[in-house]
């Protein structure tokens, strides 16, 4: 049986490596857009107010899903709205 000693320097190196790895994981951005967006993300993306977003929901221009008190919008539906395509466009 081999006995290995861990020194304070070894622990400090491990801590630094662990912190760097965690920072990379946390700050890593995905290249793919999210599939569903929350209201504040849609407002920022379209540069519209909350009232305008409510109008788009109310008149059926923009489909949404409500889970609890949070409203989600499909990224694809938002892109179609920005491109001016009808909802059920089949090209």
PDB file of N, CA and C in Angstrom:
ATOM      1  N   UNK A   1       0.842  -1.169   0.000  1.00  0.00           N
ATOM      2  CA  UNK A   1       0.000   0.000   0.000  1.00  0.00           C
ATOM      3  C   UNK A   1       0.888   1.234   0.000  1.00  0.00           C
ATOM      4  N   UNK A   2       0.630   2.142  -0.945  1.00  0.00           N
ATOM      5  CA  UNK A   2       1.410   3.356  -1.072  1.00  0.00           C
ATOM      6  C   UNK A   2       0.709   4.494  -0.344  1.00  0.00           C
ATOM      7  N   UNK A   3       1.476   5.253   0.393  1.00  0.00           N
ATOM      8  CA  UNK A   3       0.931   6.396   1.119  1.00  0.00           C
ATOM      9  C   UNK A   3       1.328   7.660   0.356  1.00  0.00           C
ATOM     10  N   UNK A   4       0.318   8.487   0.057  1.00  0.00           N
ATOM     11  CA  UNK A   4       0.580   9.762  -0.618  1.00  0.00           C
ATOM     12  C   UNK A   4       0.140  10.889   0.299  1.00  0.00           C
ATOM     13  N   UNK A   5       0.944  11.913   0.355  1.00  0.00           N
ATOM     14  CA  UNK A   5       0.618  13.063   1.164  1.00  0.00           C
ATOM     15  C   UNK A   5       0.116  14.187   0.268  1.00  0.00           C
ATOM     16  N   UNK A   6      -0.891  14.864   0.764  1.00  0.00           N
ATOM     17  CA  UNK A   6      -1.425  16.019   0.045  1.00  0.00           C
ATOM     18  C   UNK A   6      -0.978  17.261   0.801  1.00  0.00           C
ATOM     19  N   UNK A   7      -0.324  18.142   0.078  1.00  0.00           N
ATOM     20  CA  UNK A   7       0.179  19.364   0.717  1.00  0.00           C
ATOM     21  C   UNK A   7      -0.805  20.506   0.494  1.00  0.00           C
ATOM     22  N   UNK A   8      -0.570  21.598   1.180  1.00  0.00           N
ATOM     23  CA  UNK A   8      -1.409  22.789   1.002  1.00  0.00           C
ATOM     24  C   UNK A   8      -1.291  23.311  -0.429  1.00  0.00           C
ATOM     25  N   UNK A   9      -0.118  23.213  -0.996  1.00  0.00           N
ATOM     26  CA  UNK A   9       0.068  23.653  -2.384  1.00  0.00           C
ATOM     27  C   UNK A   9      -0.762  22.800  -3.347  1.00  0.00           C
ATOM     28  N   UNK A  10      -0.817  21.500  -3.101  1.00  0.00           N
ATOM     29  CA  UNK A  10      -1.639  20.615  -3.933  1.00  0.00           C
ATOM     30  C   UNK A  10      -3.113  21.010  -3.843  1.00  0.00           C
ATOM     31  N   UNK A  11      -3.573  21.286  -2.633  1.00  0.00           N
ATOM     32  CA  UNK A  11      -4.970  21.694  -2.444  1.00  0.00           C
ATOM     33  C   UNK A  11      -5.248  23.038  -3.118  1.00  0.00           C
ATOM     34  N   UNK A  12      -4.309  23.955  -3.055  1.00  0.00           N
ATOM     35  CA  UNK A  12      -4.483  25.269  -3.686  1.00  0.00           C
ATOM     36  C   UNK A  12      -4.546  25.124  -5.210  1.00  0.00           C
ATOM     37  N   UNK A  13      -3.703  24.276  -5.784  1.00  0.00           N
ATOM     38  CA  UNK A  13      -3.740  24.033  -7.229  1.00  0.00           C
ATOM     39  C   UNK A  13      -5.073  23.401  -7.628  1.00  0.00           C
ATOM     40  N   UNK A  14      -5.548  22.462  -6.831  1.00  0.00           N
ATOM     41  CA  UNK A  14      -6.832  21.823  -7.104  1.00  0.00           C
ATOM     42  C   UNK A  14      -7.963  22.845  -7.048  1.00  0.00           C
ATOM     43  N   UNK A  15      -7.908  23.717  -6.039  1.00  0.00           N
ATOM     44  CA  UNK A  15      -8.942  24.747  -5.894  1.00  0.00           C
ATOM     45  C   UNK A  15      -8.964  25.670  -7.102  1.00  0.00           C
ATOM     46  N   UNK A  16      -7.801  26.109  -7.551  1.00  0.00           N
ATOM     47  CA  UNK A  16      -7.717  26.997  -8.709  1.00  0.00           C
ATOM     48  C   UNK A  16      -8.244  26.312  -9.972  1.00  0.00           C
ATOM     49  N   UNK A  17      -7.876  25.067 -10.161  1.00  0.00           N
ATOM     50  CA  UNK A  17      -8.343  24.317 -11.321  1.00  0.00           C
ATOM     51  C   UNK A  17      -9.860  24.155 -11.288  1.00  0.00           C
ATOM     52  N   UNK A  18     -10.383  23.823 -10.123  1.00  0.00           N
ATOM     53  CA  UNK A  18     -11.826  23.651  -9.966  1.00  0.00           C
ATOM     54  C   UNK A  18     -12.565  24.960 -10.229  1.00  0.00           C
ATOM     55  N   UNK A  19     -12.074  26.058  -9.680  1.00  0.00           N
ATOM     56  CA  UNK A  19     -12.706  27.361  -9.898  1.00  0.00           C
ATOM     57  C   UNK A  19     -12.690  27.751 -11.375  1.00  0.00           C
ATOM     58  N   UNK A  20     -11.586  27.531 -12.040  1.00  0.00           N
ATOM     59  CA  UNK A  20     -11.503  27.851 -13.464  1.00  0.00           C
ATOM     60  C   UNK A  20     -12.473  27.010 -14.289  1.00  0.00           C
ATOM     61  N   UNK A  21     -12.574  25.730 -13.957  1.00  0.00           N
ATOM     62  CA  UNK A  21     -13.509  24.856 -14.667  1.00  0.00           C
ATOM     63  C   UNK A  21     -14.950  25.296 -14.450  1.00  0.00           C
ATOM     64  N   UNK A  22     -15.298  25.655 -13.225  1.00  0.00           N
ATOM     65  CA  UNK A  22     -16.657  26.112 -12.925  1.00  0.00           C
ATOM     66  C   UNK A  22     -16.975  27.418 -13.637  1.00  0.00           C
ATOM     67  N   UNK A  23     -16.018  28.329 -13.688  1.00  0.00           N
ATOM     68  CA  UNK A  23     -16.230  29.600 -14.401  1.00  0.00           C
ATOM     69  C   UNK A  23     -16.491  29.347 -15.876  1.00  0.00           C
ATOM     70  N   UNK A  24     -15.746  28.431 -16.457  1.00  0.00           N
ATOM     71  CA  UNK A  24     -15.938  28.100 -17.875  1.00  0.00           C
ATOM     72  C   UNK A  24     -17.328  27.529 -18.126  1.00  0.00           C
ATOM     73  N   UNK A  25     -17.791  26.682 -17.234  1.00  0.00           N
ATOM     74  CA  UNK A  25     -19.109  26.069 -17.390  1.00  0.00           C
ATOM     75  C   UNK A  25     -20.208  27.111 -17.244  1.00  0.00           C
ATOM     76  N   UNK A  26     -20.081  27.990 -16.270  1.00  0.00           N
ATOM     77  CA  UNK A  26     -21.106  28.992 -15.998  1.00  0.00           C
ATOM     78  C   UNK A  26     -21.178  30.029 -17.107  1.00  0.00           C
ATOM     79  N   UNK A  27     -20.044  30.496 -17.591  1.00  0.00           N
ATOM     80  CA  UNK A  27     -20.032  31.568 -18.582  1.00  0.00           C
ATOM     81  C   UNK A  27     -20.137  31.073 -20.017  1.00  0.00           C
ATOM     82  N   UNK A  28     -20.144  29.780 -20.208  1.00  0.00           N
ATOM     83  CA  UNK A  28     -20.209  29.206 -21.555  1.00  0.00           C
ATOM     84  C   UNK A  28     -21.567  29.526 -22.176  1.00  0.00           C
ATOM     85  N   UNK A  29     -21.522  30.133 -23.351  1.00  0.00           N
ATOM     86  CA  UNK A  29     -22.747  30.472 -24.074  1.00  0.00           C
ATOM     87  C   UNK A  29     -22.962  29.461 -25.185  1.00  0.00           C
ATOM     88  N   UNK A  30     -24.191  29.104 -25.384  1.00  0.00           N
ATOM     89  CA  UNK A  30     -24.533  28.165 -26.446  1.00  0.00           C
ATOM     90  C   UNK A  30     -24.660  28.921 -27.762  1.00  0.00           C
ATOM     91  N   UNK A  31     -24.203  28.314 -28.850  1.00  0.00           N
ATOM     92  CA  UNK A  31     -24.337  28.926 -30.165  1.00  0.00           C
ATOM     93  C   UNK A  31     -25.766  28.817 -30.686  1.00  0.00           C
ATOM     94  N   UNK A  32     -26.501  27.838 -30.220  1.00  0.00           N
ATOM     95  CA  UNK A  32     -27.882  27.656 -30.639  1.00  0.00           C
ATOM     96  C   UNK A  32     -28.798  28.577 -29.850  1.00  0.00           C
ATOM     97  N   UNK A  33     -29.808  29.156 -30.510  1.00  0.00           N
ATOM     98  CA  UNK A  33     -30.777  29.942 -29.746  1.00  0.00           C
ATOM     99  C   UNK A  33     -31.653  29.006 -28.912  1.00  0.00           C
ATOM    100  N   UNK A  34     -32.201  29.543 -27.858  1.00  0.00           N
ATOM    101  CA  UNK A  34     -33.088  28.739 -27.029  1.00  0.00           C
ATOM    102  C   UNK A  34     -34.352  28.422 -27.812  1.00  0.00           C
ATOM    103  N   UNK A  35     -34.969  27.296 -27.496  1.00  0.00           N
ATOM    104  CA  UNK A  35     -36.186  26.899 -28.195  1.00  0.00           C
ATOM    105  C   UNK A  35     -37.375  27.738 -27.732  1.00  0.00           C
ATOM    106  N   UNK A  36     -37.421  28.051 -26.449  1.00  0.00           N
ATOM    107  CA  UNK A  36     -38.504  28.859 -25.901  1.00  0.00           C
ATOM    108  C   UNK A  36     -37.924  30.054 -25.159  1.00  0.00           C
ATOM    109  N   UNK A  37     -38.597  31.189 -25.283  1.00  0.00           N
ATOM    110  CA  UNK A  37     -38.137  32.421 -24.656  1.00  0.00           C
ATOM    111  C   UNK A  37     -39.204  32.947 -23.714  1.00  0.00           C
ATOM    112  N   UNK A  38     -38.752  33.654 -22.686  1.00  0.00           N
ATOM    113  CA  UNK A  38     -39.671  34.291 -21.751  1.00  0.00           C
ATOM    114  C   UNK A  38     -40.046  35.671 -22.289  1.00  0.00           C
ATOM    115  N   UNK A  39     -41.059  36.280 -21.676  1.00  0.00           N
ATOM    116  CA  UNK A  39     -41.574  37.564 -22.151  1.00  0.00           C
ATOM    117  C   UNK A  39     -40.496  38.634 -22.224  1.00  0.00           C
ATOM    118  N   UNK A  40     -39.666  38.759 -21.194  1.00  0.00           N
ATOM    119  CA  UNK A  40     -38.664  39.822 -21.200  1.00  0.00           C
ATOM    120  C   UNK A  40     -37.660  39.624 -22.333  1.00  0.00           C
ATOM    121  N   UNK A  41     -37.368  38.365 -22.688  1.00  0.00           N
ATOM    122  CA  UNK A  41     -36.446  38.095 -23.782  1.00  0.00           C
ATOM    123  C   UNK A  41     -37.058  38.480 -25.129  1.00  0.00           C
ATOM    124  N   UNK A  42     -38.358  38.192 -25.273  1.00  0.00           N
ATOM    125  CA  UNK A  42     -39.054  38.549 -26.516  1.00  0.00           C
ATOM    126  C   UNK A  42     -39.138  40.066 -26.648  1.00  0.00           C
ATOM    127  N   UNK A  43     -39.463  40.761 -25.554  1.00  0.00           N
ATOM    128  CA  UNK A  43     -39.534  42.225 -25.599  1.00  0.00           C
ATOM    129  C   UNK A  43     -38.198  42.825 -25.994  1.00  0.00           C
ATOM    130  N   UNK A  44     -37.107  42.305 -25.449  1.00  0.00           N
ATOM    131  CA  UNK A  44     -35.779  42.810 -25.805  1.00  0.00           C
ATOM    132  C   UNK A  44     -35.442  42.484 -27.254  1.00  0.00           C
ATOM    133  N   UNK A  45     -35.796  41.298 -27.691  1.00  0.00           N
ATOM    134  CA  UNK A  45     -35.475  40.856 -29.049  1.00  0.00           C
ATOM    135  C   UNK A  45     -36.225  41.688 -30.096  1.00  0.00           C
ATOM    136  N   UNK A  46     -37.516  41.929 -29.854  1.00  0.00           N
ATOM    137  CA  UNK A  46     -38.346  42.667 -30.804  1.00  0.00           C
ATOM    138  C   UNK A  46     -38.331  44.174 -30.548  1.00  0.00           C
ATOM    139  N   UNK A  47     -37.758  44.580 -29.407  1.00  0.00           N
ATOM    140  CA  UNK A  47     -37.727  45.992 -29.005  1.00  0.00           C
ATOM    141  C   UNK A  47     -39.143  46.570 -28.942  1.00  0.00           C
ATOM    142  N   UNK A  48     -39.993  45.870 -28.182  1.00  0.00           N
ATOM    143  CA  UNK A  48     -41.382  46.292 -28.010  1.00  0.00           C
ATOM    144  C   UNK A  48     -41.687  46.383 -26.518  1.00  0.00           C
ATOM    145  N   UNK A  49     -42.796  47.030 -26.220  1.00  0.00           N
ATOM    146  CA  UNK A  49     -43.213  47.170 -24.817  1.00  0.00           C
ATOM    147  C   UNK A  49     -44.038  45.962 -24.391  1.00  0.00           C
ATOM    148  N   UNK A  50     -44.312  45.900 -23.086  1.00  0.00           N
ATOM    149  CA  UNK A  50     -45.142  44.818 -22.562  1.00  0.00           C
ATOM    150  C   UNK A  50     -46.558  44.875 -23.110  1.00  0.00           C
ATOM    151  N   UNK A  51     -47.070  46.083 -23.301  1.00  0.00           N
ATOM    152  CA  UNK A  51     -48.409  46.242 -23.864  1.00  0.00           C
ATOM    153  C   UNK A  51     -48.504  45.730 -25.287  1.00  0.00           C
ATOM    154  N   UNK A  52     -47.488  46.018 -26.078  1.00  0.00           N
ATOM    155  CA  UNK A  52     -47.461  45.536 -27.460  1.00  0.00           C
ATOM    156  C   UNK A  52     -47.379  44.019 -27.491  1.00  0.00           C
ATOM    157  N   UNK A  53     -46.582  43.449 -26.616  1.00  0.00           N
ATOM    158  CA  UNK A  53     -46.479  41.992 -26.544  1.00  0.00           C
ATOM    159  C   UNK A  53     -47.822  41.384 -26.152  1.00  0.00           C
ATOM    160  N   UNK A  54     -48.506  42.020 -25.221  1.00  0.00           N
ATOM    161  CA  UNK A  54     -49.839  41.552 -24.812  1.00  0.00           C
ATOM    162  C   UNK A  54     -50.801  41.607 -25.992  1.00  0.00           C
ATOM    163  N   UNK A  55     -50.739  42.664 -26.789  1.00  0.00           N
ATOM    164  CA  UNK A  55     -51.601  42.788 -27.967  1.00  0.00           C
ATOM    165  C   UNK A  55     -51.314  41.680 -28.975  1.00  0.00           C
ATOM    166  N   UNK A  56     -50.047  41.373 -29.193  1.00  0.00           N
ATOM    167  CA  UNK A  56     -49.693  40.293 -30.117  1.00  0.00           C
ATOM    168  C   UNK A  56     -50.243  38.954 -29.641  1.00  0.00           C
ATOM    169  N   UNK A  57     -50.241  38.739 -28.315  1.00  0.00           N
ATOM    170  CA  UNK A  57     -50.824  37.508 -27.755  1.00  0.00           C
ATOM    171  C   UNK A  57     -52.335  37.513 -27.911  1.00  0.00           C
ATOM    172  N   UNK A  58     -52.952  38.645 -27.580  1.00  0.00           N
ATOM    173  CA  UNK A  58     -54.414  38.733 -27.545  1.00  0.00           C
ATOM    174  C   UNK A  58     -55.037  38.568 -28.931  1.00  0.00           C
ATOM    175  N   UNK A  59     -54.413  39.139 -29.968  1.00  0.00           N
ATOM    176  CA  UNK A  59     -55.023  39.024 -31.297  1.00  0.00           C
ATOM    177  C   UNK A  59     -54.563  37.782 -32.058  1.00  0.00           C
ATOM    178  N   UNK A  60     -53.767  36.923 -31.421  1.00  0.00           N
ATOM    179  CA  UNK A  60     -53.377  35.652 -32.011  1.00  0.00           C
ATOM    180  C   UNK A  60     -52.191  35.728 -32.954  1.00  0.00           C
ATOM    181  N   UNK A  61     -51.550  36.874 -33.032  1.00  0.00           N
ATOM    182  CA  UNK A  61     -50.388  37.027 -33.911  1.00  0.00           C
ATOM    183  C   UNK A  61     -49.219  36.191 -33.423  1.00  0.00           C
ATOM    184  N   UNK A  62     -49.080  36.081 -32.117  1.00  0.00           N
ATOM    185  CA  UNK A  62     -47.956  35.356 -31.527  1.00  0.00           C
ATOM    186  C   UNK A  62     -48.487  34.305 -30.562  1.00  0.00           C
ATOM    187  N   UNK A  63     -48.221  33.030 -30.887  1.00  0.00           N
ATOM    188  CA  UNK A  63     -48.665  31.946 -30.005  1.00  0.00           C
ATOM    189  C   UNK A  63     -47.791  31.918 -28.758  1.00  0.00           C
ATOM    190  N   UNK A  64     -48.360  31.417 -27.682  1.00  0.00           N
ATOM    191  CA  UNK A  64     -47.627  31.355 -26.421  1.00  0.00           C
ATOM    192  C   UNK A  64     -48.104  30.165 -25.613  1.00  0.00           C
ATOM    193  N   UNK A  65     -47.316  29.824 -24.606  1.00  0.00           N
ATOM    194  CA  UNK A  65     -47.666  28.777 -23.661  1.00  0.00           C
ATOM    195  C   UNK A  65     -47.453  29.332 -22.269  1.00  0.00           C
ATOM    196  N   UNK A  66     -48.446  29.153 -21.416  1.00  0.00           N
ATOM    197  CA  UNK A  66     -48.332  29.621 -20.036  1.00  0.00           C
ATOM    198  C   UNK A  66     -48.133  28.417 -19.129  1.00  0.00           C
ATOM    199  N   UNK A  67     -47.075  28.467 -18.353  1.00  0.00           N
ATOM    200  CA  UNK A  67     -46.810  27.436 -17.352  1.00  0.00           C
ATOM    201  C   UNK A  67     -46.719  28.151 -16.018  1.00  0.00           C
ATOM    202  N   UNK A  68     -47.712  27.933 -15.195  1.00  0.00           N
ATOM    203  CA  UNK A  68     -47.793  28.688 -13.944  1.00  0.00           C
ATOM    204  C   UNK A  68     -48.042  30.150 -14.269  1.00  0.00           C
ATOM    205  N   UNK A  69     -47.170  31.021 -13.796  1.00  0.00           N
ATOM    206  CA  UNK A  69     -47.298  32.452 -14.066  1.00  0.00           C
ATOM    207  C   UNK A  69     -46.304  32.926 -15.115  1.00  0.00           C
ATOM    208  N   UNK A  70     -45.619  32.010 -15.768  1.00  0.00           N
ATOM    209  CA  UNK A  70     -44.597  32.373 -16.747  1.00  0.00           C
ATOM    210  C   UNK A  70     -45.108  32.052 -18.145  1.00  0.00           C
ATOM    211  N   UNK A  71     -44.935  33.011 -19.050  1.00  0.00           N
ATOM    212  CA  UNK A  71     -45.367  32.840 -20.432  1.00  0.00           C
ATOM    213  C   UNK A  71     -44.141  32.568 -21.293  1.00  0.00           C
ATOM    214  N   UNK A  72     -44.222  31.529 -22.118  1.00  0.00           N
ATOM    215  CA  UNK A  72     -43.132  31.153 -23.006  1.00  0.00           C
ATOM    216  C   UNK A  72     -43.576  31.306 -24.458  1.00  0.00           C
ATOM    217  N   UNK A  73     -42.623  31.685 -25.309  1.00  0.00           N
ATOM    218  CA  UNK A  73     -42.875  31.867 -26.729  1.00  0.00           C
ATOM    219  C   UNK A  73     -41.877  31.018 -27.507  1.00  0.00           C
ATOM    220  N   UNK A  74     -42.323  30.460 -28.616  1.00  0.00           N
ATOM    221  CA  UNK A  74     -41.452  29.649 -29.462  1.00  0.00           C
ATOM    222  C   UNK A  74     -40.518  30.567 -30.253  1.00  0.00           C
ATOM    223  N   UNK A  75     -39.242  30.240 -30.261  1.00  0.00           N
ATOM    224  CA  UNK A  75     -38.258  31.022 -31.004  1.00  0.00           C
ATOM    225  C   UNK A  75     -38.608  31.051 -32.490  1.00  0.00           C
ATOM    226  N   UNK A  76     -39.060  29.923 -33.025  1.00  0.00           N
ATOM    227  CA  UNK A  76     -39.426  29.838 -34.446  1.00  0.00           C
ATOM    228  C   UNK A  76     -40.581  30.767 -34.781  1.00  0.00           C
ATOM    229  N   UNK A  77     -41.590  30.844 -33.894  1.00  0.00           N
ATOM    230  CA  UNK A  77     -42.731  31.732 -34.119  1.00  0.00           C
ATOM    231  C   UNK A  77     -42.289  33.193 -34.127  1.00  0.00           C
ATOM    232  N   UNK A  78     -41.371  33.535 -33.260  1.00  0.00           N
ATOM    233  CA  UNK A  78     -40.873  34.914 -33.196  1.00  0.00           C
ATOM    234  C   UNK A  78     -40.105  35.254 -34.473  1.00  0.00           C
ATOM    235  N   UNK A  79     -39.290  34.312 -34.951  1.00  0.00           N
ATOM    236  CA  UNK A  79     -38.538  34.555 -36.178  1.00  0.00           C
ATOM    237  C   UNK A  79     -39.483  34.717 -37.371  1.00  0.00           C
ATOM    238  N   UNK A  80     -40.544  33.926 -37.425  1.00  0.00           N
ATOM    239  CA  UNK A  80     -41.530  34.065 -38.500  1.00  0.00           C
ATOM    240  C   UNK A  80     -42.209  35.424 -38.423  1.00  0.00           C
ATOM    241  N   UNK A  81     -42.514  35.878 -37.225  1.00  0.00           N
ATOM    242  CA  UNK A  81     -43.140  37.187 -37.042  1.00  0.00           C
ATOM    243  C   UNK A  81     -42.198  38.289 -37.523  1.00  0.00           C
ATOM    244  N   UNK A  82     -40.923  38.170 -37.211  1.00  0.00           N
ATOM    245  CA  UNK A  82     -39.949  39.178 -37.621  1.00  0.00           C
ATOM    246  C   UNK A  82     -39.770  39.193 -39.141  1.00  0.00           C
ATOM    247  N   UNK A  83     -39.876  38.027 -39.778  1.00  0.00           N
ATOM    248  CA  UNK A  83     -39.719  37.946 -41.224  1.00  0.00           C
ATOM    249  C   UNK A  83     -40.990  38.322 -41.971  1.00  0.00           C
ATOM    250  N   UNK A  84     -42.095  38.490 -41.239  1.00  0.00           N
ATOM    251  CA  UNK A  84     -43.354  38.888 -41.850  1.00  0.00           C
ATOM    252  C   UNK A  84     -44.110  37.770 -42.515  1.00  0.00           C
ATOM    253  N   UNK A  85     -43.740  36.531 -42.199  1.00  0.00           N
ATOM    254  CA  UNK A  85     -44.427  35.383 -42.797  1.00  0.00           C
ATOM    255  C   UNK A  85     -45.727  35.112 -42.035  1.00  0.00           C
ATOM    256  N   UNK A  86     -46.760  34.642 -42.738  1.00  0.00           N
ATOM    257  CA  UNK A  86     -47.985  34.235 -42.045  1.00  0.00           C
ATOM    258  C   UNK A  86     -47.714  33.062 -41.120  1.00  0.00           C
ATOM    259  N   UNK A  87     -48.600  32.888 -40.125  1.00  0.00           N
ATOM    260  CA  UNK A  87     -48.405  31.835 -39.131  1.00  0.00           C
ATOM    261  C   UNK A  87     -48.315  30.451 -39.747  1.00  0.00           C
ATOM    262  N   UNK A  88     -49.193  30.138 -40.674  1.00  0.00           N
ATOM    263  CA  UNK A  88     -49.232  28.784 -41.226  1.00  0.00           C
ATOM    264  C   UNK A  88     -48.619  28.736 -42.625  1.00  0.00           C
ATOM    265  N   UNK A  89     -47.546  29.460 -42.817  1.00  0.00           N
ATOM    266  CA  UNK A  89     -46.867  29.470 -44.105  1.00  0.00           C
ATOM    267  C   UNK A  89     -46.247  28.111 -44.379  1.00  0.00           C
ATOM    268  N   UNK A  90     -46.509  27.561 -45.611  1.00  0.00           N
ATOM    269  CA  UNK A  90     -45.971  26.240 -45.959  1.00  0.00           C
ATOM    270  C   UNK A  90     -45.132  26.383 -47.211  1.00  0.00           C
ATOM    271  N   UNK A  91     -43.868  26.764 -47.056  1.00  0.00           N
ATOM    272  CA  UNK A  91     -42.962  26.915 -48.189  1.00  0.00           C
ATOM    273  C   UNK A  91     -41.930  25.845 -48.150  1.00  0.00           C
TER     274      UNK A  91
END
